PDB file of N, CA and C in Angstrom:
ATOM      1  N   MET A   1      71.037  16.692  53.416  1.00  0.00           N
ATOM      2  CA  MET A   1      70.258  16.591  54.956  1.00  0.00           C
ATOM      3  C   MET A   1      69.012  15.169  54.810  1.00  0.00           C
ATOM      4  N   GLU A   2      68.713  15.373  55.432  1.00  0.00           N
ATOM      5  CA  GLU A   2      67.937  13.668  55.708  1.00  0.00           C
ATOM      6  C   GLU A   2      66.567  14.200  55.510  1.00  0.00           C
ATOM      7  N   ASP A   3      65.419  15.086  55.384  1.00  0.00           N
ATOM      8  CA  ASP A   3      64.596  15.685  55.544  1.00  0.00           C
ATOM      9  C   ASP A   3      64.508  16.248  53.765  1.00  0.00           C
ATOM     10  N   GLU A   4      65.337  16.050  52.896  1.00  0.00           N
ATOM     11  CA  GLU A   4      65.404  16.879  51.490  1.00  0.00           C
ATOM     12  C   GLU A   4      64.435  15.690  50.754  1.00  0.00           C
ATOM     13  N   VAL A   5      63.902  16.513  49.433  1.00  0.00           N
ATOM     14  CA  VAL A   5      62.565  15.590  49.074  1.00  0.00           C
ATOM     15  C   VAL A   5      63.452  15.378  47.834  1.00  0.00           C
ATOM     16  N   TRP A   6      63.692  14.052  47.182  1.00  0.00           N
ATOM     17  CA  TRP A   6      64.641  13.625  46.082  1.00  0.00           C
ATOM     18  C   TRP A   6      63.774  13.217  44.946  1.00  0.00           C
ATOM     19  N   MET A   7      63.918  13.660  43.550  1.00  0.00           N
ATOM     20  CA  MET A   7      63.214  13.471  42.695  1.00  0.00           C
ATOM     21  C   MET A   7      63.880  12.938  41.563  1.00  0.00           C
ATOM     22  N   THR A   8      63.450  11.814  41.065  1.00  0.00           N
ATOM     23  CA  THR A   8      63.505  10.855  39.623  1.00  0.00           C
ATOM     24  C   THR A   8      63.860  12.204  38.115  1.00  0.00           C
ATOM     25  N   VAL A   9      64.149  11.664  37.157  1.00  0.00           N
ATOM     26  CA  VAL A   9      63.318  12.920  35.939  1.00  0.00           C
ATOM     27  C   VAL A   9      62.320  12.497  35.707  1.00  0.00           C
ATOM     28  N   LYS A  10      61.367  11.428  35.453  1.00  0.00           N
ATOM     29  CA  LYS A  10      60.149  11.215  35.670  1.00  0.00           C
ATOM     30  C   LYS A  10      59.260  11.634  36.228  1.00  0.00           C
ATOM     31  N   GLU A  11      59.638  11.567  37.787  1.00  0.00           N
ATOM     32  CA  GLU A  11      59.117  12.439  39.184  1.00  0.00           C
ATOM     33  C   GLU A  11      58.736  14.013  38.931  1.00  0.00           C
ATOM     34  N   ALA A  12      59.926  14.937  38.771  1.00  0.00           N
ATOM     35  CA  ALA A  12      60.324  15.879  37.906  1.00  0.00           C
ATOM     36  C   ALA A  12      59.835  16.600  36.859  1.00  0.00           C
ATOM     37  N   ALA A  13      59.353  15.615  35.870  1.00  0.00           N
ATOM     38  CA  ALA A  13      58.665  15.818  34.969  1.00  0.00           C
ATOM     39  C   ALA A  13      56.956  15.727  35.536  1.00  0.00           C
ATOM     40  N   LEU A  14      56.631  15.074  36.236  1.00  0.00           N
ATOM     41  CA  LEU A  14      55.685  15.019  36.126  1.00  0.00           C
ATOM     42  C   LEU A  14      55.175  16.127  37.292  1.00  0.00           C
ATOM     43  N   PHE A  15      55.774  16.500  38.644  1.00  0.00           N
ATOM     44  CA  PHE A  15      55.650  17.315  39.334  1.00  0.00           C
ATOM     45  C   PHE A  15      55.816  19.052  38.487  1.00  0.00           C
ATOM     46  N   THR A  16      56.004  19.451  37.595  1.00  0.00           N
ATOM     47  CA  THR A  16      56.361  20.611  37.123  1.00  0.00           C
ATOM     48  C   THR A  16      55.364  20.556  35.686  1.00  0.00           C
ATOM     49  N   GLY A  17      54.873  19.625  35.496  1.00  0.00           N
ATOM     50  CA  GLY A  17      53.771  19.084  34.537  1.00  0.00           C
ATOM     51  C   GLY A  17      54.718  19.556  32.992  1.00  0.00           C
ATOM     52  N   VAL A  18      55.500  18.652  32.843  1.00  0.00           N
ATOM     53  CA  VAL A  18      56.599  18.965  31.586  1.00  0.00           C
ATOM     54  C   VAL A  18      57.002  17.428  30.926  1.00  0.00           C
ATOM     55  N   SER A  19      57.188  17.997  30.098  1.00  0.00           N
ATOM     56  CA  SER A  19      58.152  16.402  29.556  1.00  0.00           C
ATOM     57  C   SER A  19      59.260  15.655  29.734  1.00  0.00           C
ATOM     58  N   VAL A  20      59.784  14.649  29.678  1.00  0.00           N
ATOM     59  CA  VAL A  20      60.621  13.970  30.474  1.00  0.00           C
ATOM     60  C   VAL A  20      61.901  15.006  29.199  1.00  0.00           C
ATOM     61  N   GLN A  21      61.811  14.707  28.410  1.00  0.00           N
ATOM     62  CA  GLN A  21      62.424  15.932  27.567  1.00  0.00           C
ATOM     63  C   GLN A  21      63.133  17.075  27.617  1.00  0.00           C
ATOM     64  N   THR A  22      62.235  17.639  28.091  1.00  0.00           N
ATOM     65  CA  THR A  22      62.272  19.103  28.749  1.00  0.00           C
ATOM     66  C   THR A  22      62.965  19.166  29.865  1.00  0.00           C
ATOM     67  N   VAL A  23      62.956  18.357  30.623  1.00  0.00           N
ATOM     68  CA  VAL A  23      63.730  17.908  31.859  1.00  0.00           C
ATOM     69  C   VAL A  23      65.218  17.771  31.634  1.00  0.00           C
ATOM     70  N   TYR A  24      64.987  17.234  30.356  1.00  0.00           N
ATOM     71  CA  TYR A  24      67.040  16.584  30.301  1.00  0.00           C
ATOM     72  C   TYR A  24      67.302  18.173  29.544  1.00  0.00           C
ATOM     73  N   SER A  25      66.353  18.776  28.786  1.00  0.00           N
ATOM     74  CA  SER A  25      66.410  20.072  28.317  1.00  0.00           C
ATOM     75  C   SER A  25      67.492  20.826  29.403  1.00  0.00           C
ATOM     76  N   TRP A  26      66.758  21.229  30.513  1.00  0.00           N
ATOM     77  CA  TRP A  26      67.043  21.883  32.100  1.00  0.00           C
ATOM     78  C   TRP A  26      68.766  21.705  31.922  1.00  0.00           C
ATOM     79  N   ILE A  27      68.580  20.171  32.112  1.00  0.00           N
ATOM     80  CA  ILE A  27      70.309  20.015  32.650  1.00  0.00           C
ATOM     81  C   ILE A  27      71.640  20.042  31.339  1.00  0.00           C
ATOM     82  N   ARG A  28      70.988  19.727  30.232  1.00  0.00           N
ATOM     83  CA  ARG A  28      71.696  20.421  29.054  1.00  0.00           C
ATOM     84  C   ARG A  28      71.915  21.506  29.312  1.00  0.00           C
ATOM     85  N   ARG A  29      71.164  22.604  29.558  1.00  0.00           N
ATOM     86  CA  ARG A  29      71.399  24.602  29.452  1.00  0.00           C
ATOM     87  C   ARG A  29      71.884  24.723  30.920  1.00  0.00           C
ATOM     88  N   GLY A  30      72.048  23.756  31.342  1.00  0.00           N
ATOM     89  CA  GLY A  30      72.380  24.313  33.316  1.00  0.00           C
ATOM     90  C   GLY A  30      71.455  24.861  34.460  1.00  0.00           C
ATOM     91  N   HIS A  31      70.327  24.679  33.729  1.00  0.00           N
ATOM     92  CA  HIS A  31      69.375  24.997  34.503  1.00  0.00           C
ATOM     93  C   HIS A  31      69.132  24.113  35.895  1.00  0.00           C
ATOM     94  N   LEU A  32      69.370  23.017  35.646  1.00  0.00           N
ATOM     95  CA  LEU A  32      68.858  22.035  36.683  1.00  0.00           C
ATOM     96  C   LEU A  32      70.424  21.171  37.075  1.00  0.00           C
ATOM     97  N   THR A  33      70.813  20.556  38.186  1.00  0.00           N
ATOM     98  CA  THR A  33      71.945  20.343  37.861  1.00  0.00           C
ATOM     99  C   THR A  33      71.617  18.698  38.878  1.00  0.00           C
ATOM    100  N   VAL A  34      71.929  17.259  38.223  1.00  0.00           N
ATOM    101  CA  VAL A  34      72.073  16.163  38.856  1.00  0.00           C
ATOM    102  C   VAL A  34      72.663  16.471  40.230  1.00  0.00           C
ATOM    103  N   THR A  35      71.926  16.023  41.558  1.00  0.00           N
ATOM    104  CA  THR A  35      72.796  16.254  42.615  1.00  0.00           C
ATOM    105  C   THR A  35      73.193  14.606  42.775  1.00  0.00           C
ATOM    106  N   GLY A  36      72.579  13.776  42.435  1.00  0.00           N
ATOM    107  CA  GLY A  36      73.193  12.145  42.570  1.00  0.00           C
ATOM    108  C   GLY A  36      72.400  11.029  41.993  1.00  0.00           C
ATOM    109  N   LEU A  37      72.513   9.641  42.492  1.00  0.00           N
ATOM    110  CA  LEU A  37      72.140   8.757  41.480  1.00  0.00           C
ATOM    111  C   LEU A  37      71.156   8.108  42.918  1.00  0.00           C
ATOM    112  N   ASP A  38      70.125   7.349  42.208  1.00  0.00           N
ATOM    113  CA  ASP A  38      69.663   6.422  43.508  1.00  0.00           C
ATOM    114  C   ASP A  38      69.850   5.151  43.400  1.00  0.00           C
ATOM    115  N   HIS A  39      68.885   4.100  44.130  1.00  0.00           N
ATOM    116  CA  HIS A  39      69.457   3.008  44.268  1.00  0.00           C
ATOM    117  C   HIS A  39      69.498   2.345  42.414  1.00  0.00           C
ATOM    118  N   ARG A  40      68.958   2.754  42.186  1.00  0.00           N
ATOM    119  CA  ARG A  40      68.678   1.925  40.424  1.00  0.00           C
ATOM    120  C   ARG A  40      69.700   2.618  39.789  1.00  0.00           C
ATOM    121  N   GLY A  41      70.814   3.240  40.104  1.00  0.00           N
ATOM    122  CA  GLY A  41      71.492   4.576  39.248  1.00  0.00           C
ATOM    123  C   GLY A  41      71.065   5.700  38.362  1.00  0.00           C
ATOM    124  N   GLN A  42      69.224   5.840  38.718  1.00  0.00           N
ATOM    125  CA  GLN A  42      69.108   7.051  38.205  1.00  0.00           C
ATOM    126  C   GLN A  42      69.331   8.135  38.467  1.00  0.00           C
ATOM    127  N   GLN A  43      69.460   9.120  37.753  1.00  0.00           N
ATOM    128  CA  GLN A  43      69.819  10.680  38.100  1.00  0.00           C
ATOM    129  C   GLN A  43      68.825  11.288  39.180  1.00  0.00           C
ATOM    130  N   VAL A  44      69.116  12.008  40.071  1.00  0.00           N
ATOM    131  CA  VAL A  44      68.037  12.540  40.971  1.00  0.00           C
ATOM    132  C   VAL A  44      68.698  13.884  41.097  1.00  0.00           C
ATOM    133  N   PHE A  45      67.393  14.654  42.014  1.00  0.00           N
ATOM    134  CA  PHE A  45      67.509  15.934  41.613  1.00  0.00           C
ATOM    135  C   PHE A  45      66.726  16.696  43.360  1.00  0.00           C
ATOM    136  N   ARG A  46      67.016  17.154  43.671  1.00  0.00           N
ATOM    137  CA  ARG A  46      66.682  18.213  44.967  1.00  0.00           C
ATOM    138  C   ARG A  46      65.582  18.355  44.325  1.00  0.00           C
ATOM    139  N   HIS A  47      63.939  18.481  45.268  1.00  0.00           N
ATOM    140  CA  HIS A  47      63.115  19.180  45.358  1.00  0.00           C
ATOM    141  C   HIS A  47      63.070  20.463  44.671  1.00  0.00           C
ATOM    142  N   LEU A  48      63.468  21.323  45.592  1.00  0.00           N
ATOM    143  CA  LEU A  48      64.033  22.901  45.191  1.00  0.00           C
ATOM    144  C   LEU A  48      64.515  23.148  44.009  1.00  0.00           C
ATOM    145  N   ASP A  49      65.519  22.004  43.698  1.00  0.00           N
ATOM    146  CA  ASP A  49      66.430  22.715  42.193  1.00  0.00           C
ATOM    147  C   ASP A  49      65.501  22.538  41.072  1.00  0.00           C
ATOM    148  N   VAL A  50      64.673  21.497  41.491  1.00  0.00           N
ATOM    149  CA  VAL A  50      63.417  21.540  40.429  1.00  0.00           C
ATOM    150  C   VAL A  50      62.562  22.705  40.086  1.00  0.00           C
ATOM    151  N   ALA A  51      62.302  22.767  41.382  1.00  0.00           N
ATOM    152  CA  ALA A  51      61.182  24.039  41.856  1.00  0.00           C
ATOM    153  C   ALA A  51      61.940  25.261  41.136  1.00  0.00           C
ATOM    154  N   ARG A  52      63.059  25.852  41.180  1.00  0.00           N
ATOM    155  CA  ARG A  52      63.711  26.456  40.797  1.00  0.00           C
ATOM    156  C   ARG A  52      63.952  26.905  38.959  1.00  0.00           C
ATOM    157  N   ALA A  53      64.569  25.565  38.256  1.00  0.00           N
ATOM    158  CA  ALA A  53      64.847  25.484  37.310  1.00  0.00           C
ATOM    159  C   ALA A  53      63.025  25.611  36.342  1.00  0.00           C
ATOM    160  N   GLU A  54      62.051  24.687  37.016  1.00  0.00           N
ATOM    161  CA  GLU A  54      60.868  25.354  36.552  1.00  0.00           C
ATOM    162  C   GLU A  54      60.646  26.572  36.548  1.00  0.00           C
ATOM    163  N   LEU A  55      60.562  27.330  37.626  1.00  0.00           N
ATOM    164  CA  LEU A  55      60.267  28.789  37.762  1.00  0.00           C
ATOM    165  C   LEU A  55      61.497  29.483  36.588  1.00  0.00           C
ATOM    166  N   ALA A  56      62.545  29.537  36.687  1.00  0.00           N
ATOM    167  CA  ALA A  56      63.822  30.422  35.653  1.00  0.00           C
ATOM    168  C   ALA A  56      63.207  30.061  34.371  1.00  0.00           C
ATOM    169  N   THR A  57      62.583  28.970  34.134  1.00  0.00           N
ATOM    170  CA  THR A  57      62.001  28.506  32.473  1.00  0.00           C
ATOM    171  C   THR A  57      60.895  29.262  32.369  1.00  0.00           C
ATOM    172  N   ARG A  58      60.247  28.897  33.042  1.00  0.00           N
ATOM    173  CA  ARG A  58      58.541  29.584  32.502  1.00  0.00           C
ATOM    174  C   ARG A  58      58.453  31.175  33.006  1.00  0.00           C
ATOM    175  N   SER A  59      59.595  31.609  33.628  1.00  0.00           N
ATOM    176  CA  SER A  59      59.572  33.292  33.873  1.00  0.00           C
ATOM    177  C   SER A  59      60.471  33.767  32.921  1.00  0.00           C
ATOM    178  N   ARG A  60      61.106  32.901  32.182  1.00  0.00           N
ATOM    179  CA  ARG A  60      61.753  33.656  30.844  1.00  0.00           C
ATOM    180  C   ARG A  60      60.770  33.096  29.487  1.00  0.00           C
ATOM    181  N   ALA A  61      60.191  32.029  29.377  1.00  0.00           N
ATOM    182  CA  ALA A  61      59.611  32.203  28.301  1.00  0.00           C
ATOM    183  C   ALA A  61      58.240  33.115  28.657  1.00  0.00           C
ATOM    184  N   GLN A  62      57.866  33.591  29.342  1.00  0.00           N
ATOM    185  CA  GLN A  62      56.435  34.389  29.510  1.00  0.00           C
ATOM    186  C   GLN A  62      57.150  35.634  29.283  1.00  0.00           C
ATOM    187  N   ARG A  63      58.802  36.675  29.556  1.00  0.00           N
ATOM    188  CA  ARG A  63      58.905  37.517  29.340  1.00  0.00           C
ATOM    189  C   ARG A  63      59.299  37.290  27.947  1.00  0.00           C
ATOM    190  N   VAL A  64      59.616  36.046  27.106  1.00  0.00           N
ATOM    191  CA  VAL A  64      59.849  36.260  25.724  1.00  0.00           C
ATOM    192  C   VAL A  64      58.591  36.417  24.591  1.00  0.00           C
ATOM    193  N   LEU A  65      57.274  35.836  25.372  1.00  0.00           N
ATOM    194  CA  LEU A  65      55.861  36.079  25.274  1.00  0.00           C
ATOM    195  C   LEU A  65      55.551  37.817  25.090  1.00  0.00           C
ATOM    196  N   VAL A  66      56.055  38.181  26.223  1.00  0.00           N
ATOM    197  CA  VAL A  66      55.050  39.718  26.083  1.00  0.00           C
ATOM    198  C   VAL A  66      55.940  40.309  25.447  1.00  0.00           C
ATOM    199  N   ALA A  67      57.407  40.349  25.276  1.00  0.00           N
ATOM    200  CA  ALA A  67      58.016  41.503  24.569  1.00  0.00           C
ATOM    201  C   ALA A  67      57.486  40.733  22.630  1.00  0.00           C
ATOM    202  N   SER A  68      57.068  39.942  22.651  1.00  0.00           N
ATOM    203  CA  SER A  68      56.677  39.811  21.429  1.00  0.00           C
ATOM    204  C   SER A  68      55.235  40.313  20.907  1.00  0.00           C
ATOM    205  N   VAL A  69      54.474  41.043  21.637  1.00  0.00           N
ATOM    206  CA  VAL A  69      53.369  41.043  21.690  1.00  0.00           C
ATOM    207  C   VAL A  69      53.189  42.371  20.455  1.00  0.00           C
TER     208      VAL A  69
END
């Protein structure tokens, strides 16, 4: 779609408040799918996919913390 917002790895990290390494971890684990490449050849992701990956991993981390208390 034309009105979709696209993000690079660095932008996704800044948006979610995590490190660039964490974003790469989401990719490796299958939480975030590379949607394409920008004009410089950098991986890009849909804004909505980044938000979903962040929500899924934070929800999972909170469940682990609650279960271990």
